[in-house]
């Protein structure tokens, strides 16, 4: 399955140049090994897409629980997924 998501510039740059292989996502969508993640670079300052995008294959999904940066009720409800990308 193909899944499209926003990706902030710093994370996008790391995925683009290969220094980043993991992506932490709120588990509010279904994703499984073999899916294709289409990451569209999003600039939070301008609140617009840059026009750049990456396609990454999900090679592993590791569910984890709450992170203090998310609203506690949402985080506890959904949990998180750590995605290993190729």
PDB file of N, CA and C in Angstrom:
ATOM      1  N   UNK A   1       0.832  -1.165   0.000  1.00  0.00           N
ATOM      2  CA  UNK A   1       0.000   0.000   0.000  1.00  0.00           C
ATOM      3  C   UNK A   1       0.892   1.250   0.000  1.00  0.00           C
ATOM      4  N   UNK A   2       0.444   2.314  -0.642  1.00  0.00           N
ATOM      5  CA  UNK A   2       1.148   3.589  -0.637  1.00  0.00           C
ATOM      6  C   UNK A   2       0.495   4.508   0.390  1.00  0.00           C
ATOM      7  N   UNK A   3       1.332   5.135   1.221  1.00  0.00           N
ATOM      8  CA  UNK A   3       0.858   6.020   2.274  1.00  0.00           C
ATOM      9  C   UNK A   3       1.603   7.343   2.141  1.00  0.00           C
ATOM     10  N   UNK A   4       0.868   8.442   2.054  1.00  0.00           N
ATOM     11  CA  UNK A   4       1.472   9.763   1.906  1.00  0.00           C
ATOM     12  C   UNK A   4       1.455  10.501   3.235  1.00  0.00           C
ATOM     13  N   UNK A   5       2.626  11.083   3.606  1.00  0.00           N
ATOM     14  CA  UNK A   5       2.752  11.808   4.866  1.00  0.00           C
ATOM     15  C   UNK A   5       3.626  13.049   4.690  1.00  0.00           C
ATOM     16  N   UNK A   6       3.397  14.044   5.566  1.00  0.00           N
ATOM     17  CA  UNK A   6       4.248  15.228   5.620  1.00  0.00           C
ATOM     18  C   UNK A   6       5.577  14.850   6.259  1.00  0.00           C
ATOM     19  N   UNK A   7       6.618  15.567   5.887  1.00  0.00           N
ATOM     20  CA  UNK A   7       7.936  15.351   6.488  1.00  0.00           C
ATOM     21  C   UNK A   7       8.618  16.714   6.613  1.00  0.00           C
ATOM     22  N   UNK A   8       9.019  17.089   7.803  1.00  0.00           N
ATOM     23  CA  UNK A   8       9.646  18.391   8.027  1.00  0.00           C
ATOM     24  C   UNK A   8      11.049  18.411   7.403  1.00  0.00           C
ATOM     25  N   UNK A   9      11.549  19.580   7.062  1.00  0.00           N
ATOM     26  CA  UNK A   9      12.817  19.707   6.331  1.00  0.00           C
ATOM     27  C   UNK A   9      14.011  18.966   6.932  1.00  0.00           C
ATOM     28  N   UNK A  10      14.202  19.055   8.235  1.00  0.00           N
ATOM     29  CA  UNK A  10      15.369  18.394   8.850  1.00  0.00           C
ATOM     30  C   UNK A  10      15.310  16.875   8.675  1.00  0.00           C
ATOM     31  N   UNK A  11      14.145  16.284   8.936  1.00  0.00           N
ATOM     32  CA  UNK A  11      13.985  14.843   8.773  1.00  0.00           C
ATOM     33  C   UNK A  11      14.091  14.459   7.295  1.00  0.00           C
ATOM     34  N   UNK A  12      13.498  15.265   6.436  1.00  0.00           N
ATOM     35  CA  UNK A  12      13.535  15.005   5.000  1.00  0.00           C
ATOM     36  C   UNK A  12      14.981  14.983   4.504  1.00  0.00           C
ATOM     37  N   UNK A  13      15.777  15.953   4.943  1.00  0.00           N
ATOM     38  CA  UNK A  13      17.187  16.028   4.518  1.00  0.00           C
ATOM     39  C   UNK A  13      17.953  14.774   4.936  1.00  0.00           C
ATOM     40  N   UNK A  14      17.735  14.305   6.162  1.00  0.00           N
ATOM     41  CA  UNK A  14      18.416  13.104   6.639  1.00  0.00           C
ATOM     42  C   UNK A  14      18.026  11.861   5.858  1.00  0.00           C
ATOM     43  N   UNK A  15      16.752  11.755   5.510  1.00  0.00           N
ATOM     44  CA  UNK A  15      16.291  10.618   4.717  1.00  0.00           C
ATOM     45  C   UNK A  15      16.821  10.707   3.288  1.00  0.00           C
ATOM     46  N   UNK A  16      16.886  11.930   2.768  1.00  0.00           N
ATOM     47  CA  UNK A  16      17.365  12.139   1.409  1.00  0.00           C
ATOM     48  C   UNK A  16      18.840  11.795   1.269  1.00  0.00           C
ATOM     49  N   UNK A  17      19.670  12.228   2.231  1.00  0.00           N
ATOM     50  CA  UNK A  17      21.114  11.971   2.116  1.00  0.00           C
ATOM     51  C   UNK A  17      21.546  10.641   2.722  1.00  0.00           C
ATOM     52  N   UNK A  18      20.605   9.897   3.296  1.00  0.00           N
ATOM     53  CA  UNK A  18      20.907   8.552   3.787  1.00  0.00           C
ATOM     54  C   UNK A  18      21.423   8.468   5.201  1.00  0.00           C
ATOM     55  N   UNK A  19      21.540   9.596   5.910  1.00  0.00           N
ATOM     56  CA  UNK A  19      22.029   9.548   7.291  1.00  0.00           C
ATOM     57  C   UNK A  19      20.932   9.155   8.274  1.00  0.00           C
ATOM     58  N   UNK A  20      19.694   9.171   7.824  1.00  0.00           N
ATOM     59  CA  UNK A  20      18.556   8.813   8.679  1.00  0.00           C
ATOM     60  C   UNK A  20      17.850   7.603   8.075  1.00  0.00           C
ATOM     61  N   UNK A  21      17.625   6.577   8.896  1.00  0.00           N
ATOM     62  CA  UNK A  21      16.950   5.362   8.442  1.00  0.00           C
ATOM     63  C   UNK A  21      15.658   5.081   9.202  1.00  0.00           C
ATOM     64  N   UNK A  22      15.453   5.791  10.319  1.00  0.00           N
ATOM     65  CA  UNK A  22      14.276   5.568  11.149  1.00  0.00           C
ATOM     66  C   UNK A  22      13.358   6.778  11.097  1.00  0.00           C
ATOM     67  N   UNK A  23      12.073   6.536  11.239  1.00  0.00           N
ATOM     68  CA  UNK A  23      11.089   7.614  11.269  1.00  0.00           C
ATOM     69  C   UNK A  23      10.063   7.298  12.346  1.00  0.00           C
ATOM     70  N   UNK A  24       9.881   8.214  13.307  1.00  0.00           N
ATOM     71  CA  UNK A  24       8.902   8.042  14.371  1.00  0.00           C
ATOM     72  C   UNK A  24       7.613   8.706  13.935  1.00  0.00           C
ATOM     73  N   UNK A  25       6.529   7.948  13.933  1.00  0.00           N
ATOM     74  CA  UNK A  25       5.227   8.462  13.502  1.00  0.00           C
ATOM     75  C   UNK A  25       4.160   8.111  14.522  1.00  0.00           C
ATOM     76  N   UNK A  26       3.222   9.034  14.723  1.00  0.00           N
ATOM     77  CA  UNK A  26       2.046   8.741  15.522  1.00  0.00           C
ATOM     78  C   UNK A  26       1.316   7.595  14.829  1.00  0.00           C
ATOM     79  N   UNK A  27       0.926   6.581  15.570  1.00  0.00           N
ATOM     80  CA  UNK A  27       0.310   5.380  14.985  1.00  0.00           C
ATOM     81  C   UNK A  27      -1.180   5.588  14.738  1.00  0.00           C
ATOM     82  N   UNK A  28      -1.510   6.667  14.005  1.00  0.00           N
ATOM     83  CA  UNK A  28      -2.903   6.980  13.715  1.00  0.00           C
ATOM     84  C   UNK A  28      -3.291   6.496  12.322  1.00  0.00           C
ATOM     85  N   UNK A  29      -2.407   5.713  11.709  1.00  0.00           N
ATOM     86  CA  UNK A  29      -2.688   5.118  10.406  1.00  0.00           C
ATOM     87  C   UNK A  29      -2.113   3.716  10.387  1.00  0.00           C
ATOM     88  N   UNK A  30      -2.651   2.877   9.526  1.00  0.00           N
ATOM     89  CA  UNK A  30      -2.186   1.498   9.424  1.00  0.00           C
ATOM     90  C   UNK A  30      -1.014   1.430   8.458  1.00  0.00           C
ATOM     91  N   UNK A  31       0.075   0.833   8.916  1.00  0.00           N
ATOM     92  CA  UNK A  31       1.263   0.654   8.083  1.00  0.00           C
ATOM     93  C   UNK A  31       1.846  -0.718   8.400  1.00  0.00           C
ATOM     94  N   UNK A  32       2.367  -1.375   7.370  1.00  0.00           N
ATOM     95  CA  UNK A  32       2.983  -2.687   7.589  1.00  0.00           C
ATOM     96  C   UNK A  32       4.213  -2.838   6.717  1.00  0.00           C
ATOM     97  N   UNK A  33       5.003  -3.834   7.037  1.00  0.00           N
ATOM     98  CA  UNK A  33       6.205  -4.133   6.284  1.00  0.00           C
ATOM     99  C   UNK A  33       5.855  -4.290   4.805  1.00  0.00           C
ATOM    100  N   UNK A  34       6.647  -3.648   3.946  1.00  0.00           N
ATOM    101  CA  UNK A  34       6.420  -3.738   2.501  1.00  0.00           C
ATOM    102  C   UNK A  34       5.652  -2.554   1.927  1.00  0.00           C
ATOM    103  N   UNK A  35       4.999  -1.768   2.788  1.00  0.00           N
ATOM    104  CA  UNK A  35       4.278  -0.585   2.304  1.00  0.00           C
ATOM    105  C   UNK A  35       5.274   0.456   1.797  1.00  0.00           C
ATOM    106  N   UNK A  36       4.798   1.368   0.962  1.00  0.00           N
ATOM    107  CA  UNK A  36       5.614   2.472   0.465  1.00  0.00           C
ATOM    108  C   UNK A  36       5.148   3.753   1.135  1.00  0.00           C
ATOM    109  N   UNK A  37       6.088   4.432   1.770  1.00  0.00           N
ATOM    110  CA  UNK A  37       5.804   5.699   2.422  1.00  0.00           C
ATOM    111  C   UNK A  37       6.243   6.812   1.473  1.00  0.00           C
ATOM    112  N   UNK A  38       5.299   7.660   1.078  1.00  0.00           N
ATOM    113  CA  UNK A  38       5.599   8.802   0.221  1.00  0.00           C
ATOM    114  C   UNK A  38       5.674  10.012   1.142  1.00  0.00           C
ATOM    115  N   UNK A  39       6.882  10.548   1.281  1.00  0.00           N
ATOM    116  CA  UNK A  39       7.132  11.648   2.201  1.00  0.00           C
ATOM    117  C   UNK A  39       7.245  12.948   1.419  1.00  0.00           C
ATOM    118  N   UNK A  40       6.357  13.885   1.719  1.00  0.00           N
ATOM    119  CA  UNK A  40       6.350  15.193   1.064  1.00  0.00           C
ATOM    120  C   UNK A  40       6.921  16.216   2.035  1.00  0.00           C
ATOM    121  N   UNK A  41       7.967  16.911   1.605  1.00  0.00           N
ATOM    122  CA  UNK A  41       8.619  17.894   2.469  1.00  0.00           C
ATOM    123  C   UNK A  41       7.668  19.059   2.759  1.00  0.00           C
ATOM    124  N   UNK A  42       7.479  19.334   4.046  1.00  0.00           N
ATOM    125  CA  UNK A  42       6.561  20.371   4.524  1.00  0.00           C
ATOM    126  C   UNK A  42       7.351  21.393   5.327  1.00  0.00           C
ATOM    127  N   UNK A  43       7.198  22.659   4.990  1.00  0.00           N
ATOM    128  CA  UNK A  43       7.880  23.721   5.722  1.00  0.00           C
ATOM    129  C   UNK A  43       6.910  24.304   6.750  1.00  0.00           C
ATOM    130  N   UNK A  44       7.165  24.076   8.041  1.00  0.00           N
ATOM    131  CA  UNK A  44       6.244  24.569   9.070  1.00  0.00           C
ATOM    132  C   UNK A  44       6.224  26.094   9.169  1.00  0.00           C
ATOM    133  N   UNK A  45       7.277  26.767   8.711  1.00  0.00           N
ATOM    134  CA  UNK A  45       7.316  28.237   8.761  1.00  0.00           C
ATOM    135  C   UNK A  45       6.373  28.849   7.733  1.00  0.00           C
ATOM    136  N   UNK A  46       6.395  28.317   6.516  1.00  0.00           N
ATOM    137  CA  UNK A  46       5.545  28.858   5.449  1.00  0.00           C
ATOM    138  C   UNK A  46       4.199  28.144   5.382  1.00  0.00           C
ATOM    139  N   UNK A  47       4.128  26.989   6.058  1.00  0.00           N
ATOM    140  CA  UNK A  47       2.932  26.144   6.051  1.00  0.00           C
ATOM    141  C   UNK A  47       2.573  25.699   4.635  1.00  0.00           C
ATOM    142  N   UNK A  48       3.638  25.354   3.871  1.00  0.00           N
ATOM    143  CA  UNK A  48       3.451  24.897   2.498  1.00  0.00           C
ATOM    144  C   UNK A  48       4.404  23.742   2.194  1.00  0.00           C
ATOM    145  N   UNK A  49       4.031  22.947   1.205  1.00  0.00           N
ATOM    146  CA  UNK A  49       4.917  21.895   0.716  1.00  0.00           C
ATOM    147  C   UNK A  49       5.997  22.522  -0.162  1.00  0.00           C
ATOM    148  N   UNK A  50       7.198  21.969  -0.108  1.00  0.00           N
ATOM    149  CA  UNK A  50       8.309  22.488  -0.912  1.00  0.00           C
ATOM    150  C   UNK A  50       8.251  22.000  -2.358  1.00  0.00           C
ATOM    151  N   UNK A  51       7.539  20.903  -2.573  1.00  0.00           N
ATOM    152  CA  UNK A  51       7.495  20.293  -3.899  1.00  0.00           C
ATOM    153  C   UNK A  51       8.388  19.059  -4.000  1.00  0.00           C
ATOM    154  N   UNK A  52       9.253  18.860  -2.999  1.00  0.00           N
ATOM    155  CA  UNK A  52      10.120  17.678  -3.013  1.00  0.00           C
ATOM    156  C   UNK A  52       9.419  16.522  -2.300  1.00  0.00           C
ATOM    157  N   UNK A  53       9.651  15.312  -2.804  1.00  0.00           N
ATOM    158  CA  UNK A  53       9.107  14.133  -2.148  1.00  0.00           C
ATOM    159  C   UNK A  53      10.040  12.949  -2.314  1.00  0.00           C
ATOM    160  N   UNK A  54       9.926  12.026  -1.380  1.00  0.00           N
ATOM    161  CA  UNK A  54      10.709  10.790  -1.364  1.00  0.00           C
ATOM    162  C   UNK A  54       9.765   9.612  -1.261  1.00  0.00           C
ATOM    163  N   UNK A  55      10.146   8.512  -1.877  1.00  0.00           N
ATOM    164  CA  UNK A  55       9.407   7.262  -1.701  1.00  0.00           C
ATOM    165  C   UNK A  55      10.342   6.307  -0.988  1.00  0.00           C
ATOM    166  N   UNK A  56       9.869   5.785   0.141  1.00  0.00           N
ATOM    167  CA  UNK A  56      10.661   4.865   0.952  1.00  0.00           C
ATOM    168  C   UNK A  56       9.840   3.622   1.256  1.00  0.00           C
ATOM    169  N   UNK A  57      10.482   2.477   1.142  1.00  0.00           N
ATOM    170  CA  UNK A  57       9.833   1.213   1.463  1.00  0.00           C
ATOM    171  C   UNK A  57       9.984   0.958   2.961  1.00  0.00           C
ATOM    172  N   UNK A  58       8.906   0.553   3.610  1.00  0.00           N
ATOM    173  CA  UNK A  58       8.923   0.239   5.037  1.00  0.00           C
ATOM    174  C   UNK A  58       9.435  -1.194   5.184  1.00  0.00           C
ATOM    175  N   UNK A  59      10.584  -1.344   5.858  1.00  0.00           N
ATOM    176  CA  UNK A  59      11.139  -2.687   6.023  1.00  0.00           C
ATOM    177  C   UNK A  59      10.847  -3.268   7.404  1.00  0.00           C
ATOM    178  N   UNK A  60      10.392  -2.438   8.329  1.00  0.00           N
ATOM    179  CA  UNK A  60      10.045  -2.925   9.667  1.00  0.00           C
ATOM    180  C   UNK A  60       9.165  -1.888  10.353  1.00  0.00           C
ATOM    181  N   UNK A  61       8.222  -2.355  11.173  1.00  0.00           N
ATOM    182  CA  UNK A  61       7.367  -1.481  11.982  1.00  0.00           C
ATOM    183  C   UNK A  61       7.515  -1.925  13.428  1.00  0.00           C
ATOM    184  N   UNK A  62       7.977  -1.018  14.288  1.00  0.00           N
ATOM    185  CA  UNK A  62       8.192  -1.323  15.699  1.00  0.00           C
ATOM    186  C   UNK A  62       7.264  -0.451  16.538  1.00  0.00           C
ATOM    187  N   UNK A  63       6.158  -0.993  17.053  1.00  0.00           N
ATOM    188  CA  UNK A  63       5.250  -0.182  17.866  1.00  0.00           C
ATOM    189  C   UNK A  63       5.879   0.187  19.214  1.00  0.00           C
ATOM    190  N   UNK A  64       5.691   1.430  19.639  1.00  0.00           N
ATOM    191  CA  UNK A  64       6.179   1.906  20.935  1.00  0.00           C
ATOM    192  C   UNK A  64       5.068   2.719  21.601  1.00  0.00           C
ATOM    193  N   UNK A  65       5.238   3.054  22.849  1.00  0.00           N
ATOM    194  CA  UNK A  65       4.220   3.800  23.595  1.00  0.00           C
ATOM    195  C   UNK A  65       4.671   5.215  23.943  1.00  0.00           C
ATOM    196  N   UNK A  66       3.805   6.008  24.580  1.00  0.00           N
ATOM    197  CA  UNK A  66       3.858   7.464  24.672  1.00  0.00           C
ATOM    198  C   UNK A  66       5.203   8.183  24.697  1.00  0.00           C
ATOM    199  N   UNK A  67       5.144   9.338  24.061  1.00  0.00           N
ATOM    200  CA  UNK A  67       6.253  10.267  23.944  1.00  0.00           C
ATOM    201  C   UNK A  67       5.746  11.596  24.516  1.00  0.00           C
ATOM    202  N   UNK A  68       6.525  12.295  25.319  1.00  0.00           N
ATOM    203  CA  UNK A  68       6.025  13.513  25.971  1.00  0.00           C
ATOM    204  C   UNK A  68       5.726  14.686  25.022  1.00  0.00           C
ATOM    205  N   UNK A  69       6.119  14.595  23.760  1.00  0.00           N
ATOM    206  CA  UNK A  69       5.907  15.706  22.835  1.00  0.00           C
ATOM    207  C   UNK A  69       4.506  15.726  22.230  1.00  0.00           C
ATOM    208  N   UNK A  70       3.763  14.666  22.377  1.00  0.00           N
ATOM    209  CA  UNK A  70       2.414  14.610  21.835  1.00  0.00           C
ATOM    210  C   UNK A  70       1.391  14.765  22.950  1.00  0.00           C
ATOM    211  N   UNK A  71       0.221  15.204  22.587  1.00  0.00           N
ATOM    212  CA  UNK A  71      -0.884  15.277  23.535  1.00  0.00           C
ATOM    213  C   UNK A  71      -1.048  13.901  24.174  1.00  0.00           C
ATOM    214  N   UNK A  72      -1.056  13.847  25.481  1.00  0.00           N
ATOM    215  CA  UNK A  72      -1.048  12.574  26.206  1.00  0.00           C
ATOM    216  C   UNK A  72      -2.219  11.663  25.837  1.00  0.00           C
ATOM    217  N   UNK A  73      -3.432  12.218  25.721  1.00  0.00           N
ATOM    218  CA  UNK A  73      -4.596  11.394  25.390  1.00  0.00           C
ATOM    219  C   UNK A  73      -4.461  10.773  23.998  1.00  0.00           C
ATOM    220  N   UNK A  74      -4.001  11.563  23.034  1.00  0.00           N
ATOM    221  CA  UNK A  74      -3.831  11.052  21.661  1.00  0.00           C
ATOM    222  C   UNK A  74      -2.722  10.009  21.632  1.00  0.00           C
ATOM    223  N   UNK A  75      -1.598  10.314  22.293  1.00  0.00           N
ATOM    224  CA  UNK A  75      -0.462   9.389  22.309  1.00  0.00           C
ATOM    225  C   UNK A  75      -0.825   8.058  22.949  1.00  0.00           C
ATOM    226  N   UNK A  76      -1.545   8.103  24.054  1.00  0.00           N
ATOM    227  CA  UNK A  76      -1.935   6.867  24.718  1.00  0.00           C
ATOM    228  C   UNK A  76      -2.943   6.080  23.888  1.00  0.00           C
ATOM    229  N   UNK A  77      -3.797   6.788  23.186  1.00  0.00           N
ATOM    230  CA  UNK A  77      -4.796   6.112  22.352  1.00  0.00           C
ATOM    231  C   UNK A  77      -4.152   5.415  21.148  1.00  0.00           C
ATOM    232  N   UNK A  78      -3.302   6.130  20.425  1.00  0.00           N
ATOM    233  CA  UNK A  78      -2.721   5.583  19.194  1.00  0.00           C
ATOM    234  C   UNK A  78      -1.394   4.868  19.405  1.00  0.00           C
ATOM    235  N   UNK A  79      -0.568   5.359  20.329  1.00  0.00           N
ATOM    236  CA  UNK A  79       0.793   4.850  20.431  1.00  0.00           C
ATOM    237  C   UNK A  79       1.614   5.421  19.285  1.00  0.00           C
ATOM    238  N   UNK A  80       2.771   4.840  19.035  1.00  0.00           N
ATOM    239  CA  UNK A  80       3.659   5.308  17.981  1.00  0.00           C
ATOM    240  C   UNK A  80       4.210   4.112  17.230  1.00  0.00           C
ATOM    241  N   UNK A  81       4.686   4.366  16.034  1.00  0.00           N
ATOM    242  CA  UNK A  81       5.400   3.359  15.267  1.00  0.00           C
ATOM    243  C   UNK A  81       6.760   3.917  14.889  1.00  0.00           C
ATOM    244  N   UNK A  82       7.792   3.119  15.065  1.00  0.00           N
ATOM    245  CA  UNK A  82       9.111   3.452  14.551  1.00  0.00           C
ATOM    246  C   UNK A  82       9.213   2.690  13.244  1.00  0.00           C
ATOM    247  N   UNK A  83       9.436   3.411  12.139  1.00  0.00           N
ATOM    248  CA  UNK A  83       9.509   2.793  10.828  1.00  0.00           C
ATOM    249  C   UNK A  83      10.938   2.739  10.361  1.00  0.00           C
ATOM    250  N   UNK A  84      11.423   1.573   9.989  1.00  0.00           N
ATOM    251  CA  UNK A  84      12.734   1.420   9.391  1.00  0.00           C
ATOM    252  C   UNK A  84      12.537   1.511   7.893  1.00  0.00           C
ATOM    253  N   UNK A  85      13.198   2.481   7.270  1.00  0.00           N
ATOM    254  CA  UNK A  85      12.995   2.762   5.851  1.00  0.00           C
ATOM    255  C   UNK A  85      14.208   2.373   5.034  1.00  0.00           C
ATOM    256  N   UNK A  86      13.975   1.921   3.823  1.00  0.00           N
ATOM    257  CA  UNK A  86      15.069   1.546   2.911  1.00  0.00           C
ATOM    258  C   UNK A  86      15.276   2.626   1.883  1.00  0.00           C
TER     259      UNK A  86
END
